[in-house]
PDB file of N, CA and C in Angstrom:
ATOM      1  N   MET A   1       0.941  -1.011   0.002  1.00  0.00           N
ATOM      2  CA  MET A   1      -0.069  -0.012  -0.160  1.00  0.00           C
ATOM      3  C   MET A   1       0.914   1.193  -0.255  1.00  0.00           C
ATOM      4  N   THR A   2       0.407   2.179  -0.730  1.00  0.00           N
ATOM      5  CA  THR A   2       1.153   3.568  -0.895  1.00  0.00           C
ATOM      6  C   THR A   2       0.791   4.431   0.441  1.00  0.00           C
ATOM      7  N   LYS A   3       1.417   5.588   0.478  1.00  0.00           N
ATOM      8  CA  LYS A   3       1.072   6.641   1.699  1.00  0.00           C
ATOM      9  C   LYS A   3      -0.379   7.105   1.186  1.00  0.00           C
ATOM     10  N   ASP A   4      -0.695   7.369  -0.002  1.00  0.00           N
ATOM     11  CA  ASP A   4      -1.882   7.809  -0.459  1.00  0.00           C
ATOM     12  C   ASP A   4      -2.976   6.984  -0.279  1.00  0.00           C
ATOM     13  N   GLU A   5      -3.040   5.735  -0.476  1.00  0.00           N
ATOM     14  CA  GLU A   5      -4.047   4.763   0.129  1.00  0.00           C
ATOM     15  C   GLU A   5      -3.956   4.740   1.310  1.00  0.00           C
ATOM     16  N   LEU A   6      -3.276   4.848   1.763  1.00  0.00           N
ATOM     17  CA  LEU A   6      -3.453   4.594   3.496  1.00  0.00           C
ATOM     18  C   LEU A   6      -4.027   5.846   4.091  1.00  0.00           C
ATOM     19  N   ARG A   7      -3.838   7.084   3.465  1.00  0.00           N
ATOM     20  CA  ARG A   7      -4.340   8.302   4.206  1.00  0.00           C
ATOM     21  C   ARG A   7      -5.598   8.300   3.729  1.00  0.00           C
ATOM     22  N   ARG A   8      -6.037   7.733   2.154  1.00  0.00           N
ATOM     23  CA  ARG A   8      -7.475   7.621   1.722  1.00  0.00           C
ATOM     24  C   ARG A   8      -8.432   6.770   2.895  1.00  0.00           C
ATOM     25  N   ILE A   9      -7.376   5.623   3.184  1.00  0.00           N
ATOM     26  CA  ILE A   9      -8.509   4.892   3.988  1.00  0.00           C
ATOM     27  C   ILE A   9      -8.524   5.229   5.416  1.00  0.00           C
ATOM     28  N   ARG A  10      -7.831   5.892   6.086  1.00  0.00           N
ATOM     29  CA  ARG A  10      -8.018   6.781   7.421  1.00  0.00           C
ATOM     30  C   ARG A  10      -8.875   7.931   7.177  1.00  0.00           C
ATOM     31  N   LYS A  11      -8.551   8.601   6.135  1.00  0.00           N
ATOM     32  CA  LYS A  11      -9.691   9.427   5.946  1.00  0.00           C
ATOM     33  C   LYS A  11     -10.925   9.094   5.926  1.00  0.00           C
ATOM     34  N   GLU A  12     -11.455   7.867   5.439  1.00  0.00           N
ATOM     35  CA  GLU A  12     -12.765   7.446   4.936  1.00  0.00           C
ATOM     36  C   GLU A  12     -13.266   6.724   6.363  1.00  0.00           C
ATOM     37  N   GLU A  13     -12.256   6.127   6.616  1.00  0.00           N
ATOM     38  CA  GLU A  13     -12.494   5.741   8.291  1.00  0.00           C
ATOM     39  C   GLU A  13     -12.933   6.712   9.357  1.00  0.00           C
ATOM     40  N   ARG A  14     -12.303   7.915   9.259  1.00  0.00           N
ATOM     41  CA  ARG A  14     -12.507   9.246  10.126  1.00  0.00           C
ATOM     42  C   ARG A  14     -14.073   9.668   9.936  1.00  0.00           C
ATOM     43  N   LYS A  15     -14.169   9.771   8.169  1.00  0.00           N
ATOM     44  CA  LYS A  15     -15.618  10.237   8.024  1.00  0.00           C
ATOM     45  C   LYS A  15     -16.801   9.147   8.493  1.00  0.00           C
ATOM     46  N   ALA A  16     -16.299   7.946   8.398  1.00  0.00           N
ATOM     47  CA  ALA A  16     -17.218   6.995   8.889  1.00  0.00           C
ATOM     48  C   ALA A  16     -17.791   7.072  10.364  1.00  0.00           C
ATOM     49  N   ALA A  17     -16.675   7.344  10.939  1.00  0.00           N
ATOM     50  CA  ALA A  17     -16.881   7.320  12.481  1.00  0.00           C
ATOM     51  C   ALA A  17     -17.763   8.652  12.811  1.00  0.00           C
ATOM     52  N   LEU A  18     -17.253   9.848  11.938  1.00  0.00           N
ATOM     53  CA  LEU A  18     -17.982  11.276  12.258  1.00  0.00           C
ATOM     54  C   LEU A  18     -19.463  11.058  11.997  1.00  0.00           C
ATOM     55  N   GLU A  19     -19.597  10.218  10.997  1.00  0.00           N
ATOM     56  CA  GLU A  19     -21.180  10.307  10.472  1.00  0.00           C
ATOM     57  C   GLU A  19     -21.685   9.022  11.731  1.00  0.00           C
ATOM     58  N   GLU A  20     -21.188   8.266  12.073  1.00  0.00           N
ATOM     59  CA  GLU A  20     -21.956   7.418  13.191  1.00  0.00           C
ATOM     60  C   GLU A  20     -22.213   8.314  14.238  1.00  0.00           C
ATOM     61  N   PHE A  21     -20.988   9.137  14.615  1.00  0.00           N
ATOM     62  CA  PHE A  21     -21.508   9.854  15.956  1.00  0.00           C
ATOM     63  C   PHE A  21     -22.448  10.773  15.819  1.00  0.00           C
ATOM     64  N   GLU A  22     -22.697  11.673  14.713  1.00  0.00           N
ATOM     65  CA  GLU A  22     -23.535  12.492  14.288  1.00  0.00           C
ATOM     66  C   GLU A  22     -25.111  11.771  14.126  1.00  0.00           C
ATOM     67  N   ARG A  23     -24.927  10.630  13.627  1.00  0.00           N
ATOM     68  CA  ARG A  23     -26.163   9.825  13.355  1.00  0.00           C
ATOM     69  C   ARG A  23     -26.801   9.566  15.079  1.00  0.00           C
ATOM     70  N   LYS A  24     -25.771   8.925  16.008  1.00  0.00           N
ATOM     71  CA  LYS A  24     -26.350   8.896  17.343  1.00  0.00           C
ATOM     72  C   LYS A  24     -26.468  10.145  18.239  1.00  0.00           C
ATOM     73  N   GLU A  25     -26.066  11.220  17.599  1.00  0.00           N
ATOM     74  CA  GLU A  25     -26.193  12.274  18.327  1.00  0.00           C
ATOM     75  C   GLU A  25     -27.868  13.056  18.114  1.00  0.00           C
ATOM     76  N   ARG A  26     -28.359  12.437  16.764  1.00  0.00           N
ATOM     77  CA  ARG A  26     -29.589  12.873  16.410  1.00  0.00           C
ATOM     78  C   ARG A  26     -30.683  12.104  16.978  1.00  0.00           C
ATOM     79  N   GLU A  27     -30.367  10.934  17.451  1.00  0.00           N
ATOM     80  CA  GLU A  27     -31.262  10.108  18.146  1.00  0.00           C
ATOM     81  C   GLU A  27     -31.362  10.524  19.330  1.00  0.00           C
ATOM     82  N   ALA A  28     -32.837  10.059  19.897  1.00  0.00           N
ATOM     83  CA  ALA A  28     -33.191  10.641  21.523  1.00  0.00           C
ATOM     84  C   ALA A  28     -32.455  10.008  22.645  1.00  0.00           C
ATOM     85  N   PRO A  29     -32.091  11.047  23.289  1.00  0.00           N
ATOM     86  CA  PRO A  29     -31.163  10.122  24.637  1.00  0.00           C
ATOM     87  C   PRO A  29     -31.715   9.107  25.318  1.00  0.00           C
ATOM     88  N   LYS A  30     -31.132   8.442  25.957  1.00  0.00           N
ATOM     89  CA  LYS A  30     -31.310   7.112  26.643  1.00  0.00           C
ATOM     90  C   LYS A  30     -31.792   7.812  27.977  1.00  0.00           C
ATOM     91  N   GLN A  31     -33.153   7.322  28.503  1.00  0.00           N
ATOM     92  CA  GLN A  31     -33.753   7.567  29.328  1.00  0.00           C
ATOM     93  C   GLN A  31     -33.241   6.705  30.578  1.00  0.00           C
ATOM     94  N   HIS A  32     -32.614   7.291  31.797  1.00  0.00           N
ATOM     95  CA  HIS A  32     -31.954   6.726  32.928  1.00  0.00           C
ATOM     96  C   HIS A  32     -33.055   6.691  34.423  1.00  0.00           C
ATOM     97  N   SER A  33     -33.030   5.708  34.880  1.00  0.00           N
ATOM     98  CA  SER A  33     -33.681   5.964  36.111  1.00  0.00           C
ATOM     99  C   SER A  33     -32.644   6.078  37.012  1.00  0.00           C
ATOM    100  N   LEU A  34     -32.576   7.243  37.927  1.00  0.00           N
ATOM    101  CA  LEU A  34     -31.490   7.539  38.806  1.00  0.00           C
ATOM    102  C   LEU A  34     -31.980   6.988  40.365  1.00  0.00           C
ATOM    103  N   VAL A  35     -33.107   6.582  40.507  1.00  0.00           N
ATOM    104  CA  VAL A  35     -33.154   5.912  41.804  1.00  0.00           C
ATOM    105  C   VAL A  35     -34.257   5.054  41.367  1.00  0.00           C
ATOM    106  N   GLN A  36     -34.366   3.679  42.245  1.00  0.00           N
ATOM    107  CA  GLN A  36     -35.293   2.679  41.941  1.00  0.00           C
ATOM    108  C   GLN A  36     -35.791   2.699  43.571  1.00  0.00           C
ATOM    109  N   ILE A  37     -37.149   2.783  43.868  1.00  0.00           N
ATOM    110  CA  ILE A  37     -37.511   2.561  44.828  1.00  0.00           C
ATOM    111  C   ILE A  37     -38.681   1.346  45.181  1.00  0.00           C
ATOM    112  N   LYS A  38     -38.254   0.460  46.340  1.00  0.00           N
ATOM    113  CA  LYS A  38     -38.704  -0.391  46.800  1.00  0.00           C
ATOM    114  C   LYS A  38     -39.552  -0.331  48.085  1.00  0.00           C
ATOM    115  N   THR A  39     -40.467  -1.036  48.257  1.00  0.00           N
ATOM    116  CA  THR A  39     -41.633  -0.484  48.946  1.00  0.00           C
ATOM    117  C   THR A  39     -41.844  -2.305  49.813  1.00  0.00           C
ATOM    118  N   ALA A  40     -42.082  -2.385  50.923  1.00  0.00           N
ATOM    119  CA  ALA A  40     -42.451  -3.435  51.576  1.00  0.00           C
ATOM    120  C   ALA A  40     -43.834  -3.190  51.647  1.00  0.00           C
ATOM    121  N   VAL A  41     -44.876  -4.400  51.894  1.00  0.00           N
ATOM    122  CA  VAL A  41     -46.227  -4.456  51.555  1.00  0.00           C
ATOM    123  C   VAL A  41     -46.498  -5.014  53.174  1.00  0.00           C
ATOM    124  N   THR A  42     -46.169  -4.156  53.898  1.00  0.00           N
ATOM    125  CA  THR A  42     -46.579  -4.604  55.517  1.00  0.00           C
ATOM    126  C   THR A  42     -47.602  -3.546  56.016  1.00  0.00           C
ATOM    127  N   ARG A  43     -47.804  -3.459  57.548  1.00  0.00           N
ATOM    128  CA  ARG A  43     -48.597  -2.494  58.174  1.00  0.00           C
ATOM    129  C   ARG A  43     -47.900  -1.064  57.876  1.00  0.00           C
ATOM    130  N   TYR A  44     -46.737  -1.126  58.063  1.00  0.00           N
ATOM    131  CA  TYR A  44     -45.826   0.250  57.979  1.00  0.00           C
ATOM    132  C   TYR A  44     -45.014  -0.068  56.872  1.00  0.00           C
ATOM    133  N   PRO A  45     -45.146   0.407  55.518  1.00  0.00           N
ATOM    134  CA  PRO A  45     -44.097   0.445  54.477  1.00  0.00           C
ATOM    135  C   PRO A  45     -42.797   0.992  54.833  1.00  0.00           C
ATOM    136  N   VAL A  46     -41.707   0.277  54.509  1.00  0.00           N
ATOM    137  CA  VAL A  46     -40.671   0.494  54.366  1.00  0.00           C
ATOM    138  C   VAL A  46     -39.811   1.055  53.240  1.00  0.00           C
ATOM    139  N   ILE A  47     -39.301   2.474  52.834  1.00  0.00           N
ATOM    140  CA  ILE A  47     -39.042   2.507  51.611  1.00  0.00           C
ATOM    141  C   ILE A  47     -37.091   2.500  51.687  1.00  0.00           C
ATOM    142  N   ASN A  48     -36.934   1.375  50.853  1.00  0.00           N
ATOM    143  CA  ASN A  48     -35.334   1.367  50.480  1.00  0.00           C
ATOM    144  C   ASN A  48     -35.219   1.914  49.001  1.00  0.00           C
ATOM    145  N   TYR A  49     -33.578   2.454  48.591  1.00  0.00           N
ATOM    146  CA  TYR A  49     -33.487   2.937  47.745  1.00  0.00           C
ATOM    147  C   TYR A  49     -32.222   2.408  47.057  1.00  0.00           C
ATOM    148  N   VAL A  50     -32.390   2.021  45.941  1.00  0.00           N
ATOM    149  CA  VAL A  50     -31.103   1.278  45.434  1.00  0.00           C
ATOM    150  C   VAL A  50     -30.700   2.450  44.190  1.00  0.00           C
ATOM    151  N   GLN A  51     -29.355   3.035  44.407  1.00  0.00           N
ATOM    152  CA  GLN A  51     -28.823   4.120  43.597  1.00  0.00           C
ATOM    153  C   GLN A  51     -27.869   3.351  42.641  1.00  0.00           C
ATOM    154  N   PRO A  52     -27.906   3.215  41.491  1.00  0.00           N
ATOM    155  CA  PRO A  52     -26.826   2.834  40.588  1.00  0.00           C
ATOM    156  C   PRO A  52     -25.840   3.922  40.332  1.00  0.00           C
ATOM    157  N   PHE A  53     -25.964   5.054  40.757  1.00  0.00           N
ATOM    158  CA  PHE A  53     -25.081   6.120  40.084  1.00  0.00           C
ATOM    159  C   PHE A  53     -24.411   6.686  41.448  1.00  0.00           C
ATOM    160  N   THR A  54     -23.402   7.369  41.343  1.00  0.00           N
ATOM    161  CA  THR A  54     -22.634   8.199  42.313  1.00  0.00           C
ATOM    162  C   THR A  54     -23.277   9.340  42.659  1.00  0.00           C
ATOM    163  N   ASN A  55     -23.037   9.955  43.815  1.00  0.00           N
ATOM    164  CA  ASN A  55     -23.640  11.419  43.899  1.00  0.00           C
ATOM    165  C   ASN A  55     -22.980  12.431  42.728  1.00  0.00           C
ATOM    166  N   GLU A  56     -21.815  12.116  42.646  1.00  0.00           N
ATOM    167  CA  GLU A  56     -21.069  12.926  41.472  1.00  0.00           C
ATOM    168  C   GLU A  56     -21.630  13.005  40.057  1.00  0.00           C
ATOM    169  N   GLU A  57     -21.901  11.717  39.900  1.00  0.00           N
ATOM    170  CA  GLU A  57     -22.471  11.511  38.377  1.00  0.00           C
ATOM    171  C   GLU A  57     -23.995  12.037  38.545  1.00  0.00           C
ATOM    172  N   ILE A  58     -24.701  12.164  39.338  1.00  0.00           N
ATOM    173  CA  ILE A  58     -26.213  12.352  39.365  1.00  0.00           C
ATOM    174  C   ILE A  58     -26.063  13.937  39.316  1.00  0.00           C
ATOM    175  N   MET A  59     -25.194  14.737  40.044  1.00  0.00           N
ATOM    176  CA  MET A  59     -24.926  16.215  40.273  1.00  0.00           C
ATOM    177  C   MET A  59     -24.420  16.832  38.736  1.00  0.00           C
ATOM    178  N   GLU A  60     -23.519  15.921  38.297  1.00  0.00           N
ATOM    179  CA  GLU A  60     -22.965  16.362  36.490  1.00  0.00           C
ATOM    180  C   GLU A  60     -24.325  16.159  35.653  1.00  0.00           C
ATOM    181  N   GLY A  61     -25.192  14.864  36.132  1.00  0.00           N
ATOM    182  CA  GLY A  61     -26.165  14.901  35.256  1.00  0.00           C
ATOM    183  C   GLY A  61     -27.377  15.961  35.074  1.00  0.00           C
ATOM    184  N   LYS A  62     -27.482  16.534  36.369  1.00  0.00           N
ATOM    185  CA  LYS A  62     -28.268  17.659  36.777  1.00  0.00           C
ATOM    186  C   LYS A  62     -27.806  18.857  36.131  1.00  0.00           C
ATOM    187  N   LYS A  63     -26.625  18.925  36.273  1.00  0.00           N
ATOM    188  CA  LYS A  63     -25.828  20.534  35.487  1.00  0.00           C
ATOM    189  C   LYS A  63     -26.027  20.169  34.082  1.00  0.00           C
ATOM    190  N   CYS A  64     -26.096  19.024  33.653  1.00  0.00           N
ATOM    191  CA  CYS A  64     -26.210  18.865  32.104  1.00  0.00           C
ATOM    192  C   CYS A  64     -27.632  19.265  31.449  1.00  0.00           C
ATOM    193  N   GLN A  65     -28.482  18.893  32.380  1.00  0.00           N
ATOM    194  CA  GLN A  65     -30.064  18.995  32.060  1.00  0.00           C
ATOM    195  C   GLN A  65     -30.121  20.616  32.329  1.00  0.00           C
ATOM    196  N   LEU A  66     -29.764  21.287  33.294  1.00  0.00           N
ATOM    197  CA  LEU A  66     -29.958  22.734  33.611  1.00  0.00           C
ATOM    198  C   LEU A  66     -29.047  23.481  32.626  1.00  0.00           C
ATOM    199  N   ASN A  67     -28.369  23.019  31.701  1.00  0.00           N
ATOM    200  CA  ASN A  67     -27.740  23.768  31.180  1.00  0.00           C
ATOM    201  C   ASN A  67     -27.990  23.620  29.718  1.00  0.00           C
ATOM    202  N   HIS A  68     -28.847  22.511  29.528  1.00  0.00           N
ATOM    203  CA  HIS A  68     -29.475  21.886  28.406  1.00  0.00           C
ATOM    204  C   HIS A  68     -28.058  21.374  27.214  1.00  0.00           C
ATOM    205  N   SER A  69     -27.308  20.736  27.898  1.00  0.00           N
ATOM    206  CA  SER A  69     -26.038  20.195  27.144  1.00  0.00           C
ATOM    207  C   SER A  69     -26.235  18.541  27.323  1.00  0.00           C
ATOM    208  N   LYS A  70     -25.357  18.089  26.166  1.00  0.00           N
ATOM    209  CA  LYS A  70     -25.923  16.427  26.425  1.00  0.00           C
ATOM    210  C   LYS A  70     -24.537  15.955  27.096  1.00  0.00           C
ATOM    211  N   ARG A  71     -23.330  16.513  27.172  1.00  0.00           N
ATOM    212  CA  ARG A  71     -22.331  16.010  27.929  1.00  0.00           C
ATOM    213  C   ARG A  71     -21.403  17.019  28.586  1.00  0.00           C
ATOM    214  N   THR A  72     -20.943  16.656  29.741  1.00  0.00           N
ATOM    215  CA  THR A  72     -20.018  17.676  30.782  1.00  0.00           C
ATOM    216  C   THR A  72     -18.941  18.170  29.522  1.00  0.00           C
ATOM    217  N   PRO A  73     -18.209  19.475  29.864  1.00  0.00           N
ATOM    218  CA  PRO A  73     -17.306  20.131  29.083  1.00  0.00           C
ATOM    219  C   PRO A  73     -16.108  19.101  29.494  1.00  0.00           C
ATOM    220  N   GLN A  74     -15.638  18.335  30.023  1.00  0.00           N
ATOM    221  CA  GLN A  74     -14.570  17.539  30.097  1.00  0.00           C
ATOM    222  C   GLN A  74     -14.775  16.562  29.171  1.00  0.00           C
ATOM    223  N   ALA A  75     -15.568  15.939  28.933  1.00  0.00           N
ATOM    224  CA  ALA A  75     -16.456  14.835  28.130  1.00  0.00           C
ATOM    225  C   ALA A  75     -16.240  15.454  26.514  1.00  0.00           C
ATOM    226  N   GLU A  76     -16.535  16.631  26.474  1.00  0.00           N
ATOM    227  CA  GLU A  76     -16.713  17.195  25.144  1.00  0.00           C
ATOM    228  C   GLU A  76     -14.925  17.541  24.812  1.00  0.00           C
ATOM    229  N   VAL A  77     -14.095  17.666  25.579  1.00  0.00           N
ATOM    230  CA  VAL A  77     -13.026  17.620  25.251  1.00  0.00           C
ATOM    231  C   VAL A  77     -12.063  16.634  24.816  1.00  0.00           C
ATOM    232  N   HIS A  78     -12.702  15.683  25.569  1.00  0.00           N
ATOM    233  CA  HIS A  78     -12.058  14.268  25.185  1.00  0.00           C
ATOM    234  C   HIS A  78     -12.551  13.728  23.942  1.00  0.00           C
ATOM    235  N   ARG A  79     -13.882  14.008  23.692  1.00  0.00           N
ATOM    236  CA  ARG A  79     -14.555  13.703  22.353  1.00  0.00           C
ATOM    237  C   ARG A  79     -13.718  14.321  21.133  1.00  0.00           C
ATOM    238  N   LEU A  80     -13.185  15.519  21.025  1.00  0.00           N
ATOM    239  CA  LEU A  80     -12.902  16.468  20.064  1.00  0.00           C
ATOM    240  C   LEU A  80     -11.651  16.120  19.897  1.00  0.00           C
ATOM    241  N   ASN A  81     -10.647  15.204  20.663  1.00  0.00           N
ATOM    242  CA  ASN A  81      -9.321  15.202  20.379  1.00  0.00           C
ATOM    243  C   ASN A  81      -9.280  13.744  20.070  1.00  0.00           C
TER     244      ASN A  81
END
């Protein structure tokens, strides 16, 4: 393979990856349940919660929702590099 062929192949791969990323960006975001609540069916219900995310992840998600952004600035920098 020549250098020109390699460049063309890499350029096509980058273009395909960019098109795939843009397609995913146009899709609706995944809905995540931040808290699952379990209740006991007894005389006095007990509420336990199972939290699959850390408090930091929840706060970052809330900030992104308030700022109408899809990802944090740090994630955006890593995506562009």
